[in-house]
């Protein structure tokens, strides 16, 4: 089974082995996770699925309570690779250690799995192995706070100009629906500045991030959703090349619960 990544530990005397589980299911886009037909399930090899942000499990030797530990978790992620559910499949025998693993995995992200232009939800089994050089140490990690899910609102600079009757190089026919689930660790207001192209049929392409005052990963997810917007721009009949525009998006009014 190939090793996917190593984990940076709080104490170097602790070793954690993290390898992607052998039983990886990719759900078809239209199927329910609980009831999907066998024909809609794709069985992948480990090499076809990888972490965008691997779990960072930080523990002290005392968390193992005197001996090596193993745990196995069942992870579900949506089509963007965001972790939506983590359940203990095989316990380490220590509830507090299990909870540390769950919290670490919930903050991780997979790279989206895309096949033939379609992205798929993910279900994967992930084993963890914990070892320490010294099992006589008794101090334990401080329990972390539960992860919160956050909501927010978006405003685009171009849409604001359009709504106020100001001149704009392009017009929104339909604004994009942007949805993004963040943890409380990621939740902060930020702006993104990007450019995009519009062809003769008003199709958006060539989206490029120019600047982000927050998480670049979250910014790229937003730009992927922006590509679904419907936009038009005035064009002369002899102009055959793509037009290039710039836009800014502000993420604000974040509330976590």
C-alpha atoms as a PDB file:
ATOM      1  CA  UNK A   1       0.000   0.000   0.000  1.00  0.00           C
ATOM      2  CA  UNK A   2       1.682   3.289  -1.048  1.00  0.00           C
ATOM      3  CA  UNK A   3       2.486   5.929   1.550  1.00  0.00           C
ATOM      4  CA  UNK A   4       0.646   9.149   0.823  1.00  0.00           C
ATOM      5  CA  UNK A   5       2.284  11.519   3.262  1.00  0.00           C
ATOM      6  CA  UNK A   6       4.054  11.896   6.576  1.00  0.00           C
ATOM      7  CA  UNK A   7       2.665  13.933   9.465  1.00  0.00           C
ATOM      8  CA  UNK A   8       4.506  16.746  11.221  1.00  0.00           C
ATOM      9  CA  UNK A   9       4.351  15.976  14.924  1.00  0.00           C
ATOM     10  CA  UNK A  10       4.496  18.099  18.054  1.00  0.00           C
ATOM     11  CA  UNK A  11       7.178  15.790  19.472  1.00  0.00           C
ATOM     12  CA  UNK A  12       9.734  14.121  17.200  1.00  0.00           C
ATOM     13  CA  UNK A  13       9.782  10.995  19.324  1.00  0.00           C
ATOM     14  CA  UNK A  14       6.295  10.146  18.048  1.00  0.00           C
ATOM     15  CA  UNK A  15       5.800   8.435  14.716  1.00  0.00           C
ATOM     16  CA  UNK A  16       2.513   8.360  12.855  1.00  0.00           C
ATOM     17  CA  UNK A  17       1.984   6.272   9.756  1.00  0.00           C
ATOM     18  CA  UNK A  18      -0.677   7.602   7.418  1.00  0.00           C
ATOM     19  CA  UNK A  19      -1.548   5.681   4.272  1.00  0.00           C
ATOM     20  CA  UNK A  20      -4.596   5.921   2.087  1.00  0.00           C
ATOM     21  CA  UNK A  21      -6.911   2.989   2.695  1.00  0.00           C
ATOM     22  CA  UNK A  22      -7.367   0.225   0.165  1.00  0.00           C
ATOM     23  CA  UNK A  23     -11.158   0.490   0.032  1.00  0.00           C
ATOM     24  CA  UNK A  24     -11.856   3.698  -1.850  1.00  0.00           C
ATOM     25  CA  UNK A  25     -15.274   4.356  -3.347  1.00  0.00           C
ATOM     26  CA  UNK A  26     -16.135   7.191  -5.686  1.00  0.00           C
ATOM     27  CA  UNK A  27     -19.877   7.822  -5.795  1.00  0.00           C
ATOM     28  CA  UNK A  28     -21.592   8.739  -9.020  1.00  0.00           C
ATOM     29  CA  UNK A  29     -22.796  12.316  -9.026  1.00  0.00           C
ATOM     30  CA  UNK A  30     -26.499  11.488  -8.990  1.00  0.00           C
ATOM     31  CA  UNK A  31     -26.418   8.658  -6.453  1.00  0.00           C
ATOM     32  CA  UNK A  32     -27.264   8.762  -2.764  1.00  0.00           C
ATOM     33  CA  UNK A  33     -24.434   7.598  -0.543  1.00  0.00           C
ATOM     34  CA  UNK A  34     -26.537   5.134   1.391  1.00  0.00           C
ATOM     35  CA  UNK A  35     -28.462   3.491  -1.427  1.00  0.00           C
ATOM     36  CA  UNK A  36     -26.391   3.623  -4.535  1.00  0.00           C
ATOM     37  CA  UNK A  37     -26.481   0.799  -7.088  1.00  0.00           C
ATOM     38  CA  UNK A  38     -23.337  -1.241  -7.648  1.00  0.00           C
ATOM     39  CA  UNK A  39     -23.137   0.005 -11.232  1.00  0.00           C
ATOM     40  CA  UNK A  40     -22.642   3.572  -9.953  1.00  0.00           C
ATOM     41  CA  UNK A  41     -19.639   2.784  -7.768  1.00  0.00           C
ATOM     42  CA  UNK A  42     -16.094   3.258  -8.992  1.00  0.00           C
ATOM     43  CA  UNK A  43     -13.331   1.331  -7.220  1.00  0.00           C
ATOM     44  CA  UNK A  44     -10.076   3.275  -7.394  1.00  0.00           C
ATOM     45  CA  UNK A  45      -6.486   2.393  -6.746  1.00  0.00           C
ATOM     46  CA  UNK A  46      -4.758   4.391  -4.017  1.00  0.00           C
ATOM     47  CA  UNK A  47      -2.666   6.315  -6.523  1.00  0.00           C
ATOM     48  CA  UNK A  48      -5.763   7.884  -8.084  1.00  0.00           C
ATOM     49  CA  UNK A  49      -6.705   9.751  -4.913  1.00  0.00           C
ATOM     50  CA  UNK A  50      -4.466  12.128  -2.997  1.00  0.00           C
ATOM     51  CA  UNK A  51      -4.541  14.767  -0.281  1.00  0.00           C
ATOM     52  CA  UNK A  52      -4.624  18.456  -1.074  1.00  0.00           C
ATOM     53  CA  UNK A  53      -4.120  19.129   2.632  1.00  0.00           C
ATOM     54  CA  UNK A  54      -3.215  16.027   4.631  1.00  0.00           C
ATOM     55  CA  UNK A  55      -4.426  15.504   8.223  1.00  0.00           C
ATOM     56  CA  UNK A  56      -2.045  16.997  10.792  1.00  0.00           C
ATOM     57  CA  UNK A  57      -2.389  14.874  13.909  1.00  0.00           C
ATOM     58  CA  UNK A  58      -0.554  16.519  16.802  1.00  0.00           C
ATOM     59  CA  UNK A  59      -0.222  14.379  19.930  1.00  0.00           C
ATOM     60  CA  UNK A  60       2.009  13.890  22.968  1.00  0.00           C
ATOM     61  CA  UNK A  61       3.457  10.510  24.027  1.00  0.00           C
ATOM     62  CA  UNK A  62       1.065  10.501  26.982  1.00  0.00           C
ATOM     63  CA  UNK A  63      -1.893  10.416  24.591  1.00  0.00           C
ATOM     64  CA  UNK A  64      -0.960   6.805  23.723  1.00  0.00           C
ATOM     65  CA  UNK A  65      -1.167   5.667  27.378  1.00  0.00           C
ATOM     66  CA  UNK A  66       1.767   3.290  27.406  1.00  0.00           C
ATOM     67  CA  UNK A  67       1.724   1.451  24.076  1.00  0.00           C
ATOM     68  CA  UNK A  68       1.425   1.793  20.273  1.00  0.00           C
ATOM     69  CA  UNK A  69      -2.056   2.503  18.941  1.00  0.00           C
ATOM     70  CA  UNK A  70      -3.915   1.981  15.688  1.00  0.00           C
ATOM     71  CA  UNK A  71      -7.113   3.530  14.417  1.00  0.00           C
ATOM     72  CA  UNK A  72      -9.104   3.337  11.210  1.00  0.00           C
ATOM     73  CA  UNK A  73     -11.562   5.991  10.058  1.00  0.00           C
ATOM     74  CA  UNK A  74     -14.214   6.133   7.353  1.00  0.00           C
ATOM     75  CA  UNK A  75     -14.036   9.455   5.508  1.00  0.00           C
ATOM     76  CA  UNK A  76     -16.608  10.990   3.191  1.00  0.00           C
ATOM     77  CA  UNK A  77     -15.894  14.045   1.042  1.00  0.00           C
ATOM     78  CA  UNK A  78     -17.934  16.036  -1.460  1.00  0.00           C
ATOM     79  CA  UNK A  79     -17.077  16.685  -5.095  1.00  0.00           C
ATOM     80  CA  UNK A  80     -14.714  19.535  -4.219  1.00  0.00           C
ATOM     81  CA  UNK A  81     -12.716  17.257  -1.895  1.00  0.00           C
ATOM     82  CA  UNK A  82     -14.046  18.879   1.294  1.00  0.00           C
ATOM     83  CA  UNK A  83     -14.390  16.414   4.161  1.00  0.00           C
ATOM     84  CA  UNK A  84     -18.055  16.112   5.145  1.00  0.00           C
ATOM     85  CA  UNK A  85     -18.005  13.158   7.554  1.00  0.00           C
ATOM     86  CA  UNK A  86     -15.442  11.237   9.614  1.00  0.00           C
ATOM     87  CA  UNK A  87     -16.423   8.138  11.580  1.00  0.00           C
ATOM     88  CA  UNK A  88     -14.304   5.764  13.623  1.00  0.00           C
ATOM     89  CA  UNK A  89     -14.313   2.375  11.927  1.00  0.00           C
ATOM     90  CA  UNK A  90     -11.757   0.795  14.268  1.00  0.00           C
ATOM     91  CA  UNK A  91     -11.044   2.577  17.544  1.00  0.00           C
ATOM     92  CA  UNK A  92      -7.576   3.153  18.962  1.00  0.00           C
ATOM     93  CA  UNK A  93      -9.057   2.095  22.286  1.00  0.00           C
ATOM     94  CA  UNK A  94      -8.760   5.650  23.586  1.00  0.00           C
ATOM     95  CA  UNK A  95     -11.754   7.964  22.991  1.00  0.00           C
ATOM     96  CA  UNK A  96      -9.632  11.105  23.373  1.00  0.00           C
ATOM     97  CA  UNK A  97      -7.125   9.885  20.766  1.00  0.00           C
ATOM     98  CA  UNK A  98      -9.972   8.945  18.421  1.00  0.00           C
ATOM     99  CA  UNK A  99     -11.356  12.478  18.760  1.00  0.00           C
ATOM    100  CA  UNK A 100      -7.947  14.012  17.956  1.00  0.00           C
ATOM    101  CA  UNK A 101      -7.871  11.950  14.754  1.00  0.00           C
ATOM    102  CA  UNK A 102     -11.434  12.950  13.807  1.00  0.00           C
ATOM    103  CA  UNK A 103     -10.696  16.651  14.328  1.00  0.00           C
ATOM    104  CA  UNK A 104      -7.486  16.448  12.275  1.00  0.00           C
ATOM    105  CA  UNK A 105      -9.187  14.674   9.369  1.00  0.00           C
ATOM    106  CA  UNK A 106     -12.111  17.127   9.363  1.00  0.00           C
ATOM    107  CA  UNK A 107      -9.610  19.943   8.769  1.00  0.00           C
ATOM    108  CA  UNK A 108      -7.966  18.102   5.865  1.00  0.00           C
ATOM    109  CA  UNK A 109      -9.000  18.170   2.194  1.00  0.00           C
ATOM    110  CA  UNK A 110      -8.699  15.784  -0.722  1.00  0.00           C
ATOM    111  CA  UNK A 111      -7.845  16.829  -4.237  1.00  0.00           C
ATOM    112  CA  UNK A 112     -11.095  16.575  -6.236  1.00  0.00           C
ATOM    113  CA  UNK A 113     -11.436  13.332  -8.169  1.00  0.00           C
ATOM    114  CA  UNK A 114     -12.372  14.153 -11.764  1.00  0.00           C
ATOM    115  CA  UNK A 115     -13.109  11.665 -14.506  1.00  0.00           C
ATOM    116  CA  UNK A 116     -14.244  12.607 -18.025  1.00  0.00           C
ATOM    117  CA  UNK A 117     -14.903  16.156 -16.870  1.00  0.00           C
ATOM    118  CA  UNK A 118     -17.117  15.111 -13.933  1.00  0.00           C
ATOM    119  CA  UNK A 119     -16.176  15.307 -10.266  1.00  0.00           C
ATOM    120  CA  UNK A 120     -17.385  12.691  -7.784  1.00  0.00           C
ATOM    121  CA  UNK A 121     -17.985  12.459  -4.020  1.00  0.00           C
ATOM    122  CA  UNK A 122     -15.462  10.303  -2.181  1.00  0.00           C
ATOM    123  CA  UNK A 123     -15.602   7.617   0.498  1.00  0.00           C
ATOM    124  CA  UNK A 124     -12.331   6.178   1.738  1.00  0.00           C
ATOM    125  CA  UNK A 125     -10.988   4.137   4.646  1.00  0.00           C
ATOM    126  CA  UNK A 126      -7.920   5.746   6.238  1.00  0.00           C
ATOM    127  CA  UNK A 127      -5.713   3.860   8.745  1.00  0.00           C
ATOM    128  CA  UNK A 128      -3.532   5.584  11.348  1.00  0.00           C
ATOM    129  CA  UNK A 129      -0.660   4.047  13.318  1.00  0.00           C
ATOM    130  CA  UNK A 130       0.844   5.737  16.390  1.00  0.00           C
ATOM    131  CA  UNK A 131       4.217   4.865  17.932  1.00  0.00           C
ATOM    132  CA  UNK A 132       6.480   6.575  20.489  1.00  0.00           C
ATOM    133  CA  UNK A 133      10.065   6.020  21.646  1.00  0.00           C
ATOM    134  CA  UNK A 134       9.149   6.696  25.271  1.00  0.00           C
ATOM    135  CA  UNK A 135       5.873   5.431  26.720  1.00  0.00           C
ATOM    136  CA  UNK A 136       6.631   6.560  30.283  1.00  0.00           C
ATOM    137  CA  UNK A 137       5.626  10.168  29.579  1.00  0.00           C
ATOM    138  CA  UNK A 138       2.217  11.054  31.020  1.00  0.00           C
ATOM    139  CA  UNK A 139       1.326  14.627  29.860  1.00  0.00           C
ATOM    140  CA  UNK A 140      -1.531  14.678  27.354  1.00  0.00           C
ATOM    141  CA  UNK A 141      -2.670  17.061  24.651  1.00  0.00           C
ATOM    142  CA  UNK A 142      -5.161  19.779  25.510  1.00  0.00           C
ATOM    143  CA  UNK A 143      -8.560  18.943  24.053  1.00  0.00           C
ATOM    144  CA  UNK A 144      -9.326  21.003  20.964  1.00  0.00           C
ATOM    145  CA  UNK A 145     -12.518  22.952  20.390  1.00  0.00           C
ATOM    146  CA  UNK A 146     -15.127  21.406  18.053  1.00  0.00           C
ATOM    147  CA  UNK A 147     -14.995  22.502  14.418  1.00  0.00           C
ATOM    148  CA  UNK A 148     -17.651  25.041  13.492  1.00  0.00           C
ATOM    149  CA  UNK A 149     -19.284  25.455  10.101  1.00  0.00           C
ATOM    150  CA  UNK A 150     -19.612  28.963   8.771  1.00  0.00           C
ATOM    151  CA  UNK A 151     -21.900  30.831   6.394  1.00  0.00           C
ATOM    152  CA  UNK A 152     -21.158  34.083   4.578  1.00  0.00           C
ATOM    153  CA  UNK A 153     -22.221  36.386   1.770  1.00  0.00           C
ATOM    154  CA  UNK A 154     -20.516  37.519  -1.435  1.00  0.00           C
ATOM    155  CA  UNK A 155     -20.439  40.731  -3.386  1.00  0.00           C
ATOM    156  CA  UNK A 156     -18.768  41.245  -6.758  1.00  0.00           C
ATOM    157  CA  UNK A 157     -17.492  44.681  -7.707  1.00  0.00           C
ATOM    158  CA  UNK A 158     -19.036  44.425 -11.182  1.00  0.00           C
ATOM    159  CA  UNK A 159     -22.458  43.502  -9.804  1.00  0.00           C
ATOM    160  CA  UNK A 160     -22.349  46.433  -7.366  1.00  0.00           C
ATOM    161  CA  UNK A 161     -21.631  48.842 -10.242  1.00  0.00           C
ATOM    162  CA  UNK A 162     -24.400  47.290 -12.314  1.00  0.00           C
ATOM    163  CA  UNK A 163     -26.937  47.582  -9.479  1.00  0.00           C
ATOM    164  CA  UNK A 164     -26.086  51.242  -8.890  1.00  0.00           C
ATOM    165  CA  UNK A 165     -26.381  52.116 -12.588  1.00  0.00           C
ATOM    166  CA  UNK A 166     -22.671  52.797 -13.081  1.00  0.00           C
ATOM    167  CA  UNK A 167     -20.860  51.963 -16.307  1.00  0.00           C
ATOM    168  CA  UNK A 168     -19.373  48.469 -16.449  1.00  0.00           C
ATOM    169  CA  UNK A 169     -17.387  46.755 -19.201  1.00  0.00           C
ATOM    170  CA  UNK A 170     -19.650  43.704 -18.903  1.00  0.00           C
ATOM    171  CA  UNK A 171     -23.107  42.900 -17.561  1.00  0.00           C
ATOM    172  CA  UNK A 172     -24.290  40.045 -15.373  1.00  0.00           C
ATOM    173  CA  UNK A 173     -27.270  38.268 -16.915  1.00  0.00           C
ATOM    174  CA  UNK A 174     -27.219  35.735 -14.092  1.00  0.00           C
ATOM    175  CA  UNK A 175     -24.958  35.990 -11.061  1.00  0.00           C
ATOM    176  CA  UNK A 176     -23.134  32.846  -9.910  1.00  0.00           C
ATOM    177  CA  UNK A 177     -24.400  30.882  -6.923  1.00  0.00           C
ATOM    178  CA  UNK A 178     -21.391  30.557  -4.652  1.00  0.00           C
ATOM    179  CA  UNK A 179     -21.443  28.135  -1.753  1.00  0.00           C
ATOM    180  CA  UNK A 180     -18.470  27.239   0.361  1.00  0.00           C
ATOM    181  CA  UNK A 181     -18.238  25.473   3.718  1.00  0.00           C
ATOM    182  CA  UNK A 182     -15.424  26.726   5.918  1.00  0.00           C
ATOM    183  CA  UNK A 183     -14.186  25.769   9.330  1.00  0.00           C
ATOM    184  CA  UNK A 184     -13.878  28.382  12.043  1.00  0.00           C
ATOM    185  CA  UNK A 185     -10.103  28.292  11.479  1.00  0.00           C
ATOM    186  CA  UNK A 186     -10.574  29.474   7.887  1.00  0.00           C
ATOM    187  CA  UNK A 187     -13.381  31.927   8.580  1.00  0.00           C
ATOM    188  CA  UNK A 188     -12.314  35.479   7.946  1.00  0.00           C
ATOM    189  CA  UNK A 189     -13.323  38.174   5.522  1.00  0.00           C
ATOM    190  CA  UNK A 190     -11.173  38.403   2.418  1.00  0.00           C
ATOM    191  CA  UNK A 191     -11.104  39.752  -1.126  1.00  0.00           C
ATOM    192  CA  UNK A 192     -10.029  38.107  -4.350  1.00  0.00           C
ATOM    193  CA  UNK A 193      -8.949  39.844  -7.547  1.00  0.00           C
ATOM    194  CA  UNK A 194      -8.976  37.849 -10.784  1.00  0.00           C
ATOM    195  CA  UNK A 195      -9.216  38.109 -14.542  1.00  0.00           C
ATOM    196  CA  UNK A 196     -11.204  36.078 -17.056  1.00  0.00           C
ATOM    197  CA  UNK A 197     -11.917  35.859 -20.777  1.00  0.00           C
ATOM    198  CA  UNK A 198     -15.229  36.014 -22.641  1.00  0.00           C
ATOM    199  CA  UNK A 199     -15.592  34.598 -26.157  1.00  0.00           C
ATOM    200  CA  UNK A 200     -18.008  35.601 -28.926  1.00  0.00           C
ATOM    201  CA  UNK A 201     -20.699  33.392 -27.403  1.00  0.00           C
ATOM    202  CA  UNK A 202     -20.186  34.958 -23.960  1.00  0.00           C
ATOM    203  CA  UNK A 203     -18.617  31.843 -22.502  1.00  0.00           C
ATOM    204  CA  UNK A 204     -16.281  32.373 -19.555  1.00  0.00           C
ATOM    205  CA  UNK A 205     -12.800  30.864 -19.714  1.00  0.00           C
ATOM    206  CA  UNK A 206      -9.155  31.431 -18.745  1.00  0.00           C
ATOM    207  CA  UNK A 207      -9.940  32.451 -15.156  1.00  0.00           C
ATOM    208  CA  UNK A 208      -6.742  33.449 -13.356  1.00  0.00           C
ATOM    209  CA  UNK A 209      -6.327  34.492  -9.743  1.00  0.00           C
ATOM    210  CA  UNK A 210      -4.312  37.714  -9.429  1.00  0.00           C
ATOM    211  CA  UNK A 211      -4.505  38.319  -5.689  1.00  0.00           C
ATOM    212  CA  UNK A 212      -6.196  36.943  -2.585  1.00  0.00           C
ATOM    213  CA  UNK A 213      -6.105  38.434   0.903  1.00  0.00           C
ATOM    214  CA  UNK A 214      -7.171  35.073   2.366  1.00  0.00           C
ATOM    215  CA  UNK A 215      -6.786  31.369   1.649  1.00  0.00           C
ATOM    216  CA  UNK A 216      -5.671  30.818  -1.942  1.00  0.00           C
ATOM    217  CA  UNK A 217      -7.306  27.390  -1.894  1.00  0.00           C
ATOM    218  CA  UNK A 218     -10.700  28.842  -0.943  1.00  0.00           C
ATOM    219  CA  UNK A 219     -10.236  31.587  -3.538  1.00  0.00           C
ATOM    220  CA  UNK A 220      -9.677  29.006  -6.283  1.00  0.00           C
ATOM    221  CA  UNK A 221     -12.825  27.142  -5.234  1.00  0.00           C
ATOM    222  CA  UNK A 222     -14.795  30.376  -5.543  1.00  0.00           C
ATOM    223  CA  UNK A 223     -13.382  31.081  -8.992  1.00  0.00           C
ATOM    224  CA  UNK A 224     -14.418  27.622 -10.103  1.00  0.00           C
ATOM    225  CA  UNK A 225     -17.991  28.500  -9.082  1.00  0.00           C
ATOM    226  CA  UNK A 226     -17.739  31.917 -10.742  1.00  0.00           C
ATOM    227  CA  UNK A 227     -17.279  30.154 -14.093  1.00  0.00           C
ATOM    228  CA  UNK A 228     -21.022  29.309 -13.984  1.00  0.00           C
ATOM    229  CA  UNK A 229     -22.028  32.990 -14.146  1.00  0.00           C
ATOM    230  CA  UNK A 230     -23.834  34.289 -17.234  1.00  0.00           C
ATOM    231  CA  UNK A 231     -22.197  37.471 -18.541  1.00  0.00           C
ATOM    232  CA  UNK A 232     -22.383  39.465 -21.740  1.00  0.00           C
ATOM    233  CA  UNK A 233     -20.300  42.322 -23.119  1.00  0.00           C
ATOM    234  CA  UNK A 234     -20.812  44.663 -26.089  1.00  0.00           C
ATOM    235  CA  UNK A 235     -18.815  43.541 -29.099  1.00  0.00           C
ATOM    236  CA  UNK A 236     -18.270  44.828 -32.614  1.00  0.00           C
ATOM    237  CA  UNK A 237     -19.012  42.367 -35.422  1.00  0.00           C
ATOM    238  CA  UNK A 238     -15.397  42.278 -36.615  1.00  0.00           C
ATOM    239  CA  UNK A 239     -13.954  41.408 -33.217  1.00  0.00           C
ATOM    240  CA  UNK A 240     -13.251  37.673 -33.219  1.00  0.00           C
ATOM    241  CA  UNK A 241     -10.862  37.312 -30.316  1.00  0.00           C
ATOM    242  CA  UNK A 242     -11.724  36.796 -26.678  1.00  0.00           C
ATOM    243  CA  UNK A 243     -12.229  39.808 -24.451  1.00  0.00           C
ATOM    244  CA  UNK A 244     -10.379  39.957 -21.142  1.00  0.00           C
ATOM    245  CA  UNK A 245     -11.901  41.448 -18.006  1.00  0.00           C
ATOM    246  CA  UNK A 246     -11.028  41.839 -14.352  1.00  0.00           C
ATOM    247  CA  UNK A 247     -13.335  41.345 -11.380  1.00  0.00           C
ATOM    248  CA  UNK A 248     -13.155  41.438  -7.588  1.00  0.00           C
ATOM    249  CA  UNK A 249     -15.149  39.412  -5.083  1.00  0.00           C
ATOM    250  CA  UNK A 250     -15.547  40.228  -1.405  1.00  0.00           C
ATOM    251  CA  UNK A 251     -16.369  37.525   1.124  1.00  0.00           C
ATOM    252  CA  UNK A 252     -18.003  39.010   4.222  1.00  0.00           C
ATOM    253  CA  UNK A 253     -20.660  38.690   6.948  1.00  0.00           C
ATOM    254  CA  UNK A 254     -19.215  35.377   8.144  1.00  0.00           C
ATOM    255  CA  UNK A 255     -21.179  33.599  10.873  1.00  0.00           C
ATOM    256  CA  UNK A 256     -20.064  30.334  12.476  1.00  0.00           C
ATOM    257  CA  UNK A 257     -22.099  27.939  14.602  1.00  0.00           C
END
